[in-house]
Structure formats: structure tokens, C-alpha cells
Amino acid sequence: MTKWRKGGDIRTLGSGTGGAKNAGRILGKPAFVMTVVIDALKAILALSLLLYLSVAPTIIGFSAIALIAGHIWPLFLKGRGGKGVVVYLAALLMLEPIGLLLFGLIAFIANVSPLPFSKVMMIAMGIPPLLTLWQESLGVGLCLGIGYLLVVIAHTFPIHPRLLTKEEQI
């Protein structure tokens, strides 16, 4: 879509990621919404199928890790995807909905408080895995914790096009 409308690769424009926020920055709000929906659906559909098939909880947890990692570092985009937030939140919706509701409450409070929103959100995203562990679902809780760490890593060490060689930008 970006090549067609802007004549360039989304991974070389804006923040250099293929995620929803950058799509919205480059192409506008409809692109942001469409990207969020697509990113969420890929996680929801995959995890729904595994839950429907009654796959072991730990395998479902490892699948959530694979979905998040695959979104952040997709092979077909040379390891430069989004930052994993939407996929992580979709995994929480499927595996820890109460934790997601708690996260949403914290997001609301952070939005109306003077605290830096992004820092509060990065901390709040770690609460659902802890809640899952507290509910004695060790395998899923640990996997959600790993997924959370992957999102933090993607935010801490972003890949920006200015840092890449000319060959990698093509």
C-alpha cells in the first residue's frame, strides 16, 4: 500500500517499522486502523484455532511467543516488522482477558495522569503475565512474560532505516 500511494517502502519511511503506528504516520488514520485489525486478527485466529483444538496450554503459550516474534522480526521483511504491541494485546485477549482489562484500566488512568504514557504502558503490559502466573498457569504465564520482553526489546532497540546499509534498505 505504501509503495503504491507514496512510492516507497514503509520500512524506509517514518520510524522505519512496518507496524500500525508507522502506517498511520505515513498513510493516515485508516491505514493505522486497518493495520491494527490485520495484526490483531492474525493472532486471534491462530490462537483461537489452537484453543478450539484443545492444544496443551504451554504449546499455546509458545505459539503466542512465535506470533509476537514473527511480527517483530518477520523473515519476509528482512527482520523489520512492527513492534509487537497489537499482537501481544491480542494474545492477552485470548489467553488472559482479565489481565487485558486490568491493562486497559491502567491505560485509561495513565492517559489522564501527568505520568509519561508510553513508560506507564510498557510497565503495565507486564502485569497480565504476572496475573497469569498468580493464577497458577506457569507455562502460559512464562510465555506471556517472554512475549512482553520481546515487545520491550523491540521498543528499546528499534531498527531505523538510517542505521541500515544501502543494500539492507532495498
Foldseek 3Di string as FASTA:
>chain_A
DCCVPPVFDLLQDDQNAAALVSLCVRPNDVSSVVRLVVLLVVLLVVLVVCVVVVPDLLVSLVVLLVSQQCQQQPVVLNTGHDLRPSSLLSSCVRVPVVLSVVLVVQLVVLVPDPDDNVVSSLVSQLRRLVVCVVVVPVSNSVSSNVSSVSSVVCVVDPDHNVPDDPVSRD
